[in-house]
């Protein structure tokens, strides 16, 4: 990850940690559209998100509704 991107991520995580009490493991809510875009771009979310957030993550997905 580039240095400037890493600095920005660290700054934003520090803001949420101090003001809202967000702490590890970070729970990340993913929807189907985001997962599909990551799949098209060949991005391994399970590997990339912990590196980007510099900590442990827990991935959560939305439910798929089927209409009959």
N, C-alpha and C. Protein backbone atom coordinates (compact mmCIF):
# COMPACT_ATOMS: atom_id res chain seq x y z
N UNK A 1 0.85 -1.17 0.00
CA UNK A 1 0.00 0.00 0.00
C UNK A 1 0.89 1.23 0.00
N UNK A 2 0.50 2.23 -0.75
CA UNK A 2 1.29 3.44 -0.83
C UNK A 2 1.26 4.18 0.52
N UNK A 3 2.30 4.93 0.78
CA UNK A 3 2.46 5.60 2.07
C UNK A 3 1.33 6.58 2.34
N UNK A 4 0.93 7.38 1.36
CA UNK A 4 -0.12 8.37 1.60
C UNK A 4 -1.45 7.70 1.90
N UNK A 5 -1.76 6.61 1.20
CA UNK A 5 -3.00 5.88 1.45
C UNK A 5 -2.98 5.27 2.85
N UNK A 6 -1.83 4.76 3.25
CA UNK A 6 -1.69 4.17 4.58
C UNK A 6 -1.85 5.23 5.67
N UNK A 7 -1.31 6.41 5.45
CA UNK A 7 -1.44 7.50 6.42
C UNK A 7 -2.89 7.93 6.56
N UNK A 8 -3.60 8.04 5.43
CA UNK A 8 -5.00 8.43 5.48
C UNK A 8 -5.84 7.39 6.21
N UNK A 9 -5.60 6.13 5.92
CA UNK A 9 -6.36 5.06 6.58
C UNK A 9 -6.08 5.07 8.08
N UNK A 10 -4.85 5.25 8.47
CA UNK A 10 -4.49 5.28 9.88
C UNK A 10 -5.14 6.47 10.58
N UNK A 11 -5.18 7.61 9.91
CA UNK A 11 -5.79 8.81 10.47
C UNK A 11 -7.29 8.61 10.68
N UNK A 12 -7.97 8.05 9.68
CA UNK A 12 -9.41 7.84 9.79
C UNK A 12 -9.74 6.79 10.84
N UNK A 13 -8.96 5.72 10.91
CA UNK A 13 -9.20 4.70 11.93
C UNK A 13 -8.99 5.27 13.32
N UNK A 14 -7.99 6.13 13.48
CA UNK A 14 -7.76 6.77 14.78
C UNK A 14 -8.93 7.65 15.18
N UNK A 15 -9.51 8.37 14.21
CA UNK A 15 -10.68 9.21 14.49
C UNK A 15 -11.84 8.36 15.01
N UNK A 16 -12.15 7.27 14.30
CA UNK A 16 -13.26 6.42 14.73
C UNK A 16 -12.96 5.70 16.04
N UNK A 17 -11.72 5.34 16.26
CA UNK A 17 -11.33 4.69 17.50
C UNK A 17 -11.53 5.63 18.69
N UNK A 18 -11.12 6.88 18.54
CA UNK A 18 -11.20 7.84 19.64
C UNK A 18 -12.61 8.37 19.88
N UNK A 19 -13.36 8.61 18.82
CA UNK A 19 -14.68 9.23 18.97
C UNK A 19 -15.84 8.25 19.13
N UNK A 20 -15.74 7.08 18.54
CA UNK A 20 -16.85 6.15 18.56
C UNK A 20 -16.53 4.81 19.23
N UNK A 21 -15.31 4.61 19.67
CA UNK A 21 -14.95 3.38 20.35
C UNK A 21 -14.85 2.16 19.44
N UNK A 22 -14.61 2.36 18.16
CA UNK A 22 -14.45 1.25 17.22
C UNK A 22 -13.12 0.57 17.51
N UNK A 23 -13.14 -0.74 17.61
CA UNK A 23 -11.90 -1.46 17.91
C UNK A 23 -11.89 -2.79 17.16
N UNK A 24 -10.76 -3.45 17.19
CA UNK A 24 -10.60 -4.74 16.51
C UNK A 24 -11.39 -5.81 17.24
N UNK A 25 -11.82 -6.84 16.57
CA UNK A 25 -11.82 -7.05 15.13
C UNK A 25 -12.86 -6.16 14.47
N UNK A 26 -12.48 -5.51 13.39
CA UNK A 26 -13.38 -4.63 12.67
C UNK A 26 -14.42 -5.47 11.94
N UNK A 27 -15.69 -5.19 12.19
CA UNK A 27 -16.76 -5.91 11.50
C UNK A 27 -17.16 -5.11 10.27
N UNK A 28 -16.99 -5.70 9.11
CA UNK A 28 -17.24 -5.01 7.85
C UNK A 28 -18.44 -5.66 7.18
N UNK A 29 -19.45 -4.84 6.89
CA UNK A 29 -20.66 -5.31 6.24
C UNK A 29 -20.50 -5.17 4.73
N UNK A 30 -20.60 -6.29 4.03
CA UNK A 30 -20.46 -6.32 2.57
C UNK A 30 -21.79 -6.72 1.95
N UNK A 31 -22.15 -6.07 0.84
CA UNK A 31 -23.34 -6.48 0.12
C UNK A 31 -22.93 -7.20 -1.16
N UNK A 32 -23.91 -7.75 -1.83
CA UNK A 32 -23.64 -8.54 -3.02
C UNK A 32 -22.99 -7.74 -4.14
N UNK A 33 -23.37 -6.48 -4.28
CA UNK A 33 -22.81 -5.64 -5.33
C UNK A 33 -21.32 -5.42 -5.11
N UNK A 34 -20.94 -5.15 -3.88
CA UNK A 34 -19.53 -4.94 -3.55
C UNK A 34 -18.72 -6.21 -3.78
N UNK A 35 -19.27 -7.34 -3.35
CA UNK A 35 -18.57 -8.62 -3.55
C UNK A 35 -18.42 -8.94 -5.03
N UNK A 36 -19.45 -8.64 -5.81
CA UNK A 36 -19.39 -8.91 -7.24
C UNK A 36 -18.34 -8.03 -7.92
N UNK A 37 -18.27 -6.76 -7.52
CA UNK A 37 -17.27 -5.86 -8.10
C UNK A 37 -15.86 -6.31 -7.73
N UNK A 38 -15.68 -6.78 -6.50
CA UNK A 38 -14.37 -7.29 -6.09
C UNK A 38 -14.01 -8.54 -6.86
N UNK A 39 -14.99 -9.37 -7.12
CA UNK A 39 -14.74 -10.59 -7.89
C UNK A 39 -14.33 -10.26 -9.33
N UNK A 40 -15.00 -9.28 -9.92
CA UNK A 40 -14.64 -8.87 -11.28
C UNK A 40 -13.23 -8.28 -11.34
N UNK A 41 -12.87 -7.54 -10.30
CA UNK A 41 -11.54 -6.93 -10.26
C UNK A 41 -10.47 -7.85 -9.71
N UNK A 42 -10.85 -9.09 -9.45
CA UNK A 42 -9.92 -10.11 -8.92
C UNK A 42 -9.24 -9.64 -7.64
N UNK A 43 -10.04 -9.09 -6.73
CA UNK A 43 -9.53 -8.62 -5.43
C UNK A 43 -9.94 -9.64 -4.38
N UNK A 44 -8.98 -10.11 -3.63
CA UNK A 44 -9.24 -11.06 -2.55
C UNK A 44 -9.55 -10.26 -1.28
N UNK A 45 -10.84 -10.09 -1.00
CA UNK A 45 -11.26 -9.25 0.13
C UNK A 45 -10.75 -9.77 1.46
N UNK A 46 -10.79 -11.07 1.63
CA UNK A 46 -10.36 -11.65 2.91
C UNK A 46 -8.88 -11.36 3.20
N UNK A 47 -8.08 -11.20 2.17
CA UNK A 47 -6.66 -10.92 2.35
C UNK A 47 -6.37 -9.42 2.37
N UNK A 48 -7.06 -8.64 1.53
CA UNK A 48 -6.74 -7.23 1.36
C UNK A 48 -7.27 -6.33 2.47
N UNK A 49 -8.48 -6.58 2.95
CA UNK A 49 -9.06 -5.69 3.96
C UNK A 49 -8.28 -5.64 5.27
N UNK A 50 -7.81 -6.77 5.81
CA UNK A 50 -7.00 -6.66 7.04
C UNK A 50 -5.71 -5.88 6.82
N UNK A 51 -5.12 -6.00 5.64
CA UNK A 51 -3.90 -5.22 5.37
C UNK A 51 -4.20 -3.74 5.26
N UNK A 52 -5.33 -3.40 4.63
CA UNK A 52 -5.68 -1.99 4.46
C UNK A 52 -6.06 -1.35 5.79
N UNK A 53 -6.79 -2.09 6.63
CA UNK A 53 -7.22 -1.55 7.92
C UNK A 53 -6.19 -1.74 9.02
N UNK A 54 -5.10 -2.41 8.69
CA UNK A 54 -4.01 -2.64 9.64
C UNK A 54 -4.50 -3.30 10.92
N UNK A 55 -5.33 -4.32 10.78
CA UNK A 55 -5.84 -5.02 11.94
C UNK A 55 -6.70 -6.20 11.53
N UNK A 56 -7.21 -6.87 12.53
CA UNK A 56 -8.03 -8.04 12.31
C UNK A 56 -9.43 -7.61 11.87
N UNK A 57 -10.01 -8.34 10.93
CA UNK A 57 -11.34 -8.00 10.42
C UNK A 57 -12.25 -9.21 10.47
N UNK A 58 -13.54 -8.91 10.52
CA UNK A 58 -14.57 -9.95 10.45
C UNK A 58 -15.54 -9.51 9.36
N UNK A 59 -15.66 -10.31 8.31
CA UNK A 59 -16.51 -9.95 7.18
C UNK A 59 -17.92 -10.47 7.41
N UNK A 60 -18.90 -9.59 7.22
CA UNK A 60 -20.31 -9.94 7.35
C UNK A 60 -20.99 -9.61 6.03
N UNK A 61 -21.94 -10.44 5.61
CA UNK A 61 -22.65 -10.21 4.36
C UNK A 61 -24.13 -10.02 4.64
N UNK A 62 -24.80 -9.35 3.71
CA UNK A 62 -26.24 -9.17 3.83
C UNK A 62 -26.94 -10.43 3.36
N UNK A 63 -28.18 -10.59 3.76
CA UNK A 63 -28.94 -11.75 3.34
C UNK A 63 -29.42 -11.58 1.91
N UNK A 64 -29.54 -12.68 1.23
CA UNK A 64 -30.06 -12.67 -0.12
C UNK A 64 -31.56 -12.99 -0.02
N UNK A 65 -32.35 -12.10 -0.53
CA UNK A 65 -33.80 -12.32 -0.51
C UNK A 65 -34.23 -12.87 -1.84
N UNK A 66 -35.05 -13.88 -1.80
CA UNK A 66 -35.60 -14.42 -3.03
C UNK A 66 -37.09 -14.18 -3.02
N UNK A 67 -37.60 -13.69 -4.08
CA UNK A 67 -39.02 -13.43 -4.23
C UNK A 67 -39.61 -14.48 -5.14
N UNK A 68 -40.67 -15.07 -4.69
CA UNK A 68 -41.32 -16.12 -5.50
C UNK A 68 -42.41 -15.54 -6.33
